[in-house]
PDB file of N, CA and C in Angstrom:
ATOM      1  N   UNK A   1     -24.351  14.400   5.465  1.00  0.00           N
ATOM      2  CA  UNK A   1     -23.238  15.218   4.786  1.00  0.00           C
ATOM      3  C   UNK A   1     -23.472  16.785   5.073  1.00  0.00           C
ATOM      4  N   UNK A   2     -22.381  17.439   5.353  1.00  0.00           N
ATOM      5  CA  UNK A   2     -22.357  18.731   5.630  1.00  0.00           C
ATOM      6  C   UNK A   2     -21.628  19.579   4.553  1.00  0.00           C
ATOM      7  N   UNK A   3     -22.336  20.652   4.003  1.00  0.00           N
ATOM      8  CA  UNK A   3     -21.675  21.497   3.050  1.00  0.00           C
ATOM      9  C   UNK A   3     -21.240  22.765   3.736  1.00  0.00           C
ATOM     10  N   UNK A   4     -20.035  23.101   3.583  1.00  0.00           N
ATOM     11  CA  UNK A   4     -19.467  24.263   4.287  1.00  0.00           C
ATOM     12  C   UNK A   4     -18.465  25.047   3.487  1.00  0.00           C
ATOM     13  N   UNK A   5     -18.277  26.307   3.874  1.00  0.00           N
ATOM     14  CA  UNK A   5     -17.244  27.147   3.255  1.00  0.00           C
ATOM     15  C   UNK A   5     -16.043  27.326   4.193  1.00  0.00           C
ATOM     16  N   UNK A   6     -14.931  27.129   3.714  1.00  0.00           N
ATOM     17  CA  UNK A   6     -13.716  27.302   4.527  1.00  0.00           C
ATOM     18  C   UNK A   6     -13.084  28.664   4.157  1.00  0.00           C
ATOM     19  N   UNK A   7     -12.727  29.437   5.158  1.00  0.00           N
ATOM     20  CA  UNK A   7     -12.022  30.709   4.881  1.00  0.00           C
ATOM     21  C   UNK A   7     -10.568  30.438   5.161  1.00  0.00           C
ATOM     22  N   UNK A   8      -9.694  30.754   4.208  1.00  0.00           N
ATOM     23  CA  UNK A   8      -8.283  30.380   4.250  1.00  0.00           C
ATOM     24  C   UNK A   8      -7.455  31.626   4.148  1.00  0.00           C
ATOM     25  N   UNK A   9      -6.557  31.804   5.153  1.00  0.00           N
ATOM     26  CA  UNK A   9      -5.667  33.026   5.165  1.00  0.00           C
ATOM     27  C   UNK A   9      -4.209  32.686   4.426  1.00  0.00           C
ATOM     28  N   UNK A  10      -3.795  33.607   3.693  1.00  0.00           N
ATOM     29  CA  UNK A  10      -2.435  33.462   3.085  1.00  0.00           C
ATOM     30  C   UNK A  10      -2.517  33.087   1.585  1.00  0.00           C
ATOM     31  N   UNK A  11      -3.621  32.781   1.056  1.00  0.00           N
ATOM     32  CA  UNK A  11      -3.668  32.464  -0.398  1.00  0.00           C
ATOM     33  C   UNK A  11      -3.626  33.665  -1.241  1.00  0.00           C
ATOM     34  N   UNK A  12      -2.898  33.690  -2.340  1.00  0.00           N
ATOM     35  CA  UNK A  12      -2.848  34.928  -3.136  1.00  0.00           C
ATOM     36  C   UNK A  12      -2.625  34.679  -4.690  1.00  0.00           C
ATOM     37  N   UNK A  13      -2.663  33.377  -5.079  1.00  0.00           N
ATOM     38  CA  UNK A  13      -2.412  33.069  -6.417  1.00  0.00           C
ATOM     39  C   UNK A  13      -3.061  31.700  -6.864  1.00  0.00           C
ATOM     40  N   UNK A  14      -2.972  31.432  -8.103  1.00  0.00           N
ATOM     41  CA  UNK A  14      -3.531  30.126  -8.551  1.00  0.00           C
ATOM     42  C   UNK A  14      -2.691  28.858  -8.045  1.00  0.00           C
ATOM     43  N   UNK A  15      -1.389  29.102  -7.912  1.00  0.00           N
ATOM     44  CA  UNK A  15      -0.617  28.064  -7.301  1.00  0.00           C
ATOM     45  C   UNK A  15      -1.084  27.710  -5.874  1.00  0.00           C
ATOM     46  N   UNK A  16      -1.496  28.749  -5.170  1.00  0.00           N
ATOM     47  CA  UNK A  16      -2.083  28.486  -3.821  1.00  0.00           C
ATOM     48  C   UNK A  16      -3.342  27.691  -3.849  1.00  0.00           C
ATOM     49  N   UNK A  17      -4.182  28.003  -4.892  1.00  0.00           N
ATOM     50  CA  UNK A  17      -5.402  27.280  -5.108  1.00  0.00           C
ATOM     51  C   UNK A  17      -5.136  25.839  -5.372  1.00  0.00           C
ATOM     52  N   UNK A  18      -4.181  25.580  -6.228  1.00  0.00           N
ATOM     53  CA  UNK A  18      -3.754  24.269  -6.600  1.00  0.00           C
ATOM     54  C   UNK A  18      -3.278  23.389  -5.362  1.00  0.00           C
ATOM     55  N   UNK A  19      -2.505  24.098  -4.530  1.00  0.00           N
ATOM     56  CA  UNK A  19      -1.948  23.439  -3.339  1.00  0.00           C
ATOM     57  C   UNK A  19      -3.086  23.024  -2.344  1.00  0.00           C
ATOM     58  N   UNK A  20      -4.073  23.867  -2.196  1.00  0.00           N
ATOM     59  CA  UNK A  20      -5.200  23.604  -1.269  1.00  0.00           C
ATOM     60  C   UNK A  20      -5.985  22.470  -1.876  1.00  0.00           C
ATOM     61  N   UNK A  21      -6.266  22.529  -3.122  1.00  0.00           N
ATOM     62  CA  UNK A  21      -7.031  21.436  -3.797  1.00  0.00           C
ATOM     63  C   UNK A  21      -6.341  20.104  -3.567  1.00  0.00           C
ATOM     64  N   UNK A  22      -5.067  20.075  -3.785  1.00  0.00           N
ATOM     65  CA  UNK A  22      -4.282  18.866  -3.698  1.00  0.00           C
ATOM     66  C   UNK A  22      -4.380  18.314  -2.320  1.00  0.00           C
ATOM     67  N   UNK A  23      -4.363  19.090  -1.242  1.00  0.00           N
ATOM     68  CA  UNK A  23      -4.354  18.573   0.137  1.00  0.00           C
ATOM     69  C   UNK A  23      -5.805  18.099   0.509  1.00  0.00           C
ATOM     70  N   UNK A  24      -6.766  18.943   0.183  1.00  0.00           N
ATOM     71  CA  UNK A  24      -8.204  18.648   0.441  1.00  0.00           C
ATOM     72  C   UNK A  24      -8.655  17.289  -0.244  1.00  0.00           C
ATOM     73  N   UNK A  25      -8.153  17.097  -1.444  1.00  0.00           N
ATOM     74  CA  UNK A  25      -8.540  15.906  -2.188  1.00  0.00           C
ATOM     75  C   UNK A  25      -8.008  14.637  -1.544  1.00  0.00           C
ATOM     76  N   UNK A  26      -7.076  14.702  -0.656  1.00  0.00           N
ATOM     77  CA  UNK A  26      -6.473  13.606  -0.031  1.00  0.00           C
ATOM     78  C   UNK A  26      -7.413  13.113   1.138  1.00  0.00           C
ATOM     79  N   UNK A  27      -8.430  13.874   1.533  1.00  0.00           N
ATOM     80  CA  UNK A  27      -9.281  13.491   2.730  1.00  0.00           C
ATOM     81  C   UNK A  27     -10.364  12.518   2.247  1.00  0.00           C
ATOM     82  N   UNK A  28     -10.423  11.391   2.737  1.00  0.00           N
ATOM     83  CA  UNK A  28     -11.459  10.449   2.436  1.00  0.00           C
ATOM     84  C   UNK A  28     -12.817  10.957   2.902  1.00  0.00           C
ATOM     85  N   UNK A  29     -13.900  10.699   2.174  1.00  0.00           N
ATOM     86  CA  UNK A  29     -15.359  11.104   2.489  1.00  0.00           C
ATOM     87  C   UNK A  29     -15.479  12.565   2.474  1.00  0.00           C
ATOM     88  N   UNK A  30     -14.625  13.358   1.649  1.00  0.00           N
ATOM     89  CA  UNK A  30     -14.761  14.776   1.467  1.00  0.00           C
ATOM     90  C   UNK A  30     -14.844  14.972   0.011  1.00  0.00           C
ATOM     91  N   UNK A  31     -15.867  15.790  -0.456  1.00  0.00           N
ATOM     92  CA  UNK A  31     -16.083  16.124  -1.840  1.00  0.00           C
ATOM     93  C   UNK A  31     -15.654  17.652  -1.932  1.00  0.00           C
ATOM     94  N   UNK A  32     -14.699  17.869  -2.784  1.00  0.00           N
ATOM     95  CA  UNK A  32     -14.280  19.255  -3.010  1.00  0.00           C
ATOM     96  C   UNK A  32     -15.145  19.990  -4.123  1.00  0.00           C
ATOM     97  N   UNK A  33     -15.891  20.946  -3.796  1.00  0.00           N
ATOM     98  CA  UNK A  33     -16.817  21.614  -4.712  1.00  0.00           C
ATOM     99  C   UNK A  33     -16.141  22.683  -5.445  1.00  0.00           C
ATOM    100  N   UNK A  34     -15.416  23.542  -4.751  1.00  0.00           N
ATOM    101  CA  UNK A  34     -14.724  24.720  -5.293  1.00  0.00           C
ATOM    102  C   UNK A  34     -13.618  25.288  -4.452  1.00  0.00           C
ATOM    103  N   UNK A  35     -12.585  25.714  -5.073  1.00  0.00           N
ATOM    104  CA  UNK A  35     -11.495  26.425  -4.403  1.00  0.00           C
ATOM    105  C   UNK A  35     -11.205  27.710  -5.119  1.00  0.00           C
ATOM    106  N   UNK A  36     -11.163  28.755  -4.474  1.00  0.00           N
ATOM    107  CA  UNK A  36     -10.819  30.153  -4.933  1.00  0.00           C
ATOM    108  C   UNK A  36      -9.813  30.748  -3.967  1.00  0.00           C
ATOM    109  N   UNK A  37      -9.211  31.843  -4.433  1.00  0.00           N
ATOM    110  CA  UNK A  37      -8.245  32.425  -3.489  1.00  0.00           C
ATOM    111  C   UNK A  37      -8.913  32.904  -2.235  1.00  0.00           C
ATOM    112  N   UNK A  38      -8.520  32.375  -1.076  1.00  0.00           N
ATOM    113  CA  UNK A  38      -9.058  32.747   0.179  1.00  0.00           C
ATOM    114  C   UNK A  38     -10.214  31.891   0.711  1.00  0.00           C
ATOM    115  N   UNK A  39     -10.761  30.972  -0.108  1.00  0.00           N
ATOM    116  CA  UNK A  39     -11.840  30.181   0.391  1.00  0.00           C
ATOM    117  C   UNK A  39     -11.987  28.850  -0.443  1.00  0.00           C
ATOM    118  N   UNK A  40     -12.730  27.922   0.229  1.00  0.00           N
ATOM    119  CA  UNK A  40     -12.941  26.613  -0.440  1.00  0.00           C
ATOM    120  C   UNK A  40     -14.352  26.142   0.040  1.00  0.00           C
ATOM    121  N   UNK A  41     -15.090  25.474  -0.850  1.00  0.00           N
ATOM    122  CA  UNK A  41     -16.435  24.935  -0.451  1.00  0.00           C
ATOM    123  C   UNK A  41     -16.187  23.425  -0.585  1.00  0.00           C
ATOM    124  N   UNK A  42     -16.589  22.776   0.476  1.00  0.00           N
ATOM    125  CA  UNK A  42     -16.472  21.279   0.535  1.00  0.00           C
ATOM    126  C   UNK A  42     -17.762  20.722   1.157  1.00  0.00           C
ATOM    127  N   UNK A  43     -17.990  19.415   0.852  1.00  0.00           N
ATOM    128  CA  UNK A  43     -19.010  18.647   1.494  1.00  0.00           C
ATOM    129  C   UNK A  43     -18.382  17.432   2.064  1.00  0.00           C
ATOM    130  N   UNK A  44     -18.728  17.126   3.346  1.00  0.00           N
ATOM    131  CA  UNK A  44     -18.056  16.019   3.951  1.00  0.00           C
ATOM    132  C   UNK A  44     -19.029  15.386   4.993  1.00  0.00           C
ATOM    133  N   UNK A  45     -18.770  14.185   5.488  1.00  0.00           N
ATOM    134  CA  UNK A  45     -19.492  13.486   6.444  1.00  0.00           C
ATOM    135  C   UNK A  45     -18.918  13.917   7.844  1.00  0.00           C
ATOM    136  N   UNK A  46     -19.476  14.794   8.538  1.00  0.00           N
ATOM    137  CA  UNK A  46     -18.988  15.329   9.739  1.00  0.00           C
ATOM    138  C   UNK A  46     -18.835  14.245  10.865  1.00  0.00           C
ATOM    139  N   UNK A  47     -19.514  13.113  10.715  1.00  0.00           N
ATOM    140  CA  UNK A  47     -19.276  12.051  11.686  1.00  0.00           C
ATOM    141  C   UNK A  47     -18.005  11.308  11.434  1.00  0.00           C
ATOM    142  N   UNK A  48     -17.401  11.360  10.242  1.00  0.00           N
ATOM    143  CA  UNK A  48     -16.271  10.649   9.851  1.00  0.00           C
ATOM    144  C   UNK A  48     -15.039  11.478   9.612  1.00  0.00           C
ATOM    145  N   UNK A  49     -15.287  12.840   9.362  1.00  0.00           N
ATOM    146  CA  UNK A  49     -14.183  13.722   9.022  1.00  0.00           C
ATOM    147  C   UNK A  49     -14.201  14.811  10.084  1.00  0.00           C
ATOM    148  N   UNK A  50     -13.385  14.718  11.128  1.00  0.00           N
ATOM    149  CA  UNK A  50     -13.300  15.803  12.100  1.00  0.00           C
ATOM    150  C   UNK A  50     -12.775  17.098  11.576  1.00  0.00           C
ATOM    151  N   UNK A  51     -13.196  18.186  12.090  1.00  0.00           N
ATOM    152  CA  UNK A  51     -12.702  19.501  11.629  1.00  0.00           C
ATOM    153  C   UNK A  51     -11.134  19.626  11.716  1.00  0.00           C
ATOM    154  N   UNK A  52     -10.561  18.836  12.614  1.00  0.00           N
ATOM    155  CA  UNK A  52      -9.063  18.973  12.694  1.00  0.00           C
ATOM    156  C   UNK A  52      -8.459  18.448  11.409  1.00  0.00           C
ATOM    157  N   UNK A  53      -9.160  17.528  10.622  1.00  0.00           N
ATOM    158  CA  UNK A  53      -8.569  17.038   9.338  1.00  0.00           C
ATOM    159  C   UNK A  53      -8.551  18.267   8.433  1.00  0.00           C
ATOM    160  N   UNK A  54      -9.578  19.059   8.371  1.00  0.00           N
ATOM    161  CA  UNK A  54      -9.615  20.220   7.501  1.00  0.00           C
ATOM    162  C   UNK A  54      -8.422  21.195   7.897  1.00  0.00           C
ATOM    163  N   UNK A  55      -8.238  21.472   9.167  1.00  0.00           N
ATOM    164  CA  UNK A  55      -7.182  22.366   9.588  1.00  0.00           C
ATOM    165  C   UNK A  55      -5.773  21.772   9.104  1.00  0.00           C
ATOM    166  N   UNK A  56      -5.675  20.478   9.302  1.00  0.00           N
ATOM    167  CA  UNK A  56      -4.406  19.826   8.969  1.00  0.00           C
ATOM    168  C   UNK A  56      -4.130  19.875   7.527  1.00  0.00           C
ATOM    169  N   UNK A  57      -5.096  19.697   6.660  1.00  0.00           N
ATOM    170  CA  UNK A  57      -4.943  19.763   5.160  1.00  0.00           C
ATOM    171  C   UNK A  57      -4.554  21.150   4.784  1.00  0.00           C
ATOM    172  N   UNK A  58      -5.211  22.153   5.286  1.00  0.00           N
ATOM    173  CA  UNK A  58      -4.876  23.530   4.923  1.00  0.00           C
ATOM    174  C   UNK A  58      -3.475  23.934   5.361  1.00  0.00           C
ATOM    175  N   UNK A  59      -3.097  23.415   6.593  1.00  0.00           N
ATOM    176  CA  UNK A  59      -1.846  23.664   7.151  1.00  0.00           C
ATOM    177  C   UNK A  59      -0.792  23.011   6.225  1.00  0.00           C
ATOM    178  N   UNK A  60      -0.954  21.740   5.785  1.00  0.00           N
ATOM    179  CA  UNK A  60      -0.049  21.146   4.943  1.00  0.00           C
ATOM    180  C   UNK A  60       0.190  21.808   3.565  1.00  0.00           C
ATOM    181  N   UNK A  61      -0.945  22.502   3.133  1.00  0.00           N
ATOM    182  CA  UNK A  61      -0.779  23.321   1.919  1.00  0.00           C
ATOM    183  C   UNK A  61      -0.034  24.597   2.171  1.00  0.00           C
ATOM    184  N   UNK A  62       0.224  24.882   3.431  1.00  0.00           N
ATOM    185  CA  UNK A  62       1.013  26.071   3.681  1.00  0.00           C
ATOM    186  C   UNK A  62       0.197  27.380   4.140  1.00  0.00           C
ATOM    187  N   UNK A  63      -1.064  27.117   4.583  1.00  0.00           N
ATOM    188  CA  UNK A  63      -1.989  28.219   4.827  1.00  0.00           C
ATOM    189  C   UNK A  63      -2.616  28.014   6.219  1.00  0.00           C
ATOM    190  N   UNK A  64      -3.454  28.920   6.596  1.00  0.00           N
ATOM    191  CA  UNK A  64      -4.220  28.883   7.914  1.00  0.00           C
ATOM    192  C   UNK A  64      -5.683  28.853   7.599  1.00  0.00           C
ATOM    193  N   UNK A  65      -6.381  27.865   8.135  1.00  0.00           N
ATOM    194  CA  UNK A  65      -7.824  27.864   8.108  1.00  0.00           C
ATOM    195  C   UNK A  65      -8.364  28.725   9.190  1.00  0.00           C
ATOM    196  N   UNK A  66      -9.052  29.841   8.866  1.00  0.00           N
ATOM    197  CA  UNK A  66      -9.527  30.840   9.811  1.00  0.00           C
ATOM    198  C   UNK A  66     -10.916  30.620  10.216  1.00  0.00           C
ATOM    199  N   UNK A  67     -11.812  30.051   9.348  1.00  0.00           N
ATOM    200  CA  UNK A  67     -13.148  29.878   9.780  1.00  0.00           C
ATOM    201  C   UNK A  67     -13.764  28.699   8.859  1.00  0.00           C
ATOM    202  N   UNK A  68     -14.747  28.039   9.553  1.00  0.00           N
ATOM    203  CA  UNK A  68     -15.496  26.987   8.944  1.00  0.00           C
ATOM    204  C   UNK A  68     -16.947  27.495   9.054  1.00  0.00           C
ATOM    205  N   UNK A  69     -17.676  27.731   7.943  1.00  0.00           N
ATOM    206  CA  UNK A  69     -19.042  28.108   8.063  1.00  0.00           C
ATOM    207  C   UNK A  69     -19.965  27.219   7.228  1.00  0.00           C
TER     208      UNK A  69
END
């Protein structure tokens, strides 16, 4: 399991936070630890969840994933 912080561009309110939470929670084998304006902390199995899934979820929420650390 990999714990990582996602930096997300375009978030500016609690509605944004809720939208990101909703999309990330749809990803199997991913545990959502925290979401704040501009970032999220998740734990996931990197052998089962490709980084493209993270990008897709953030895009579906209406934002841009700028970094994965």
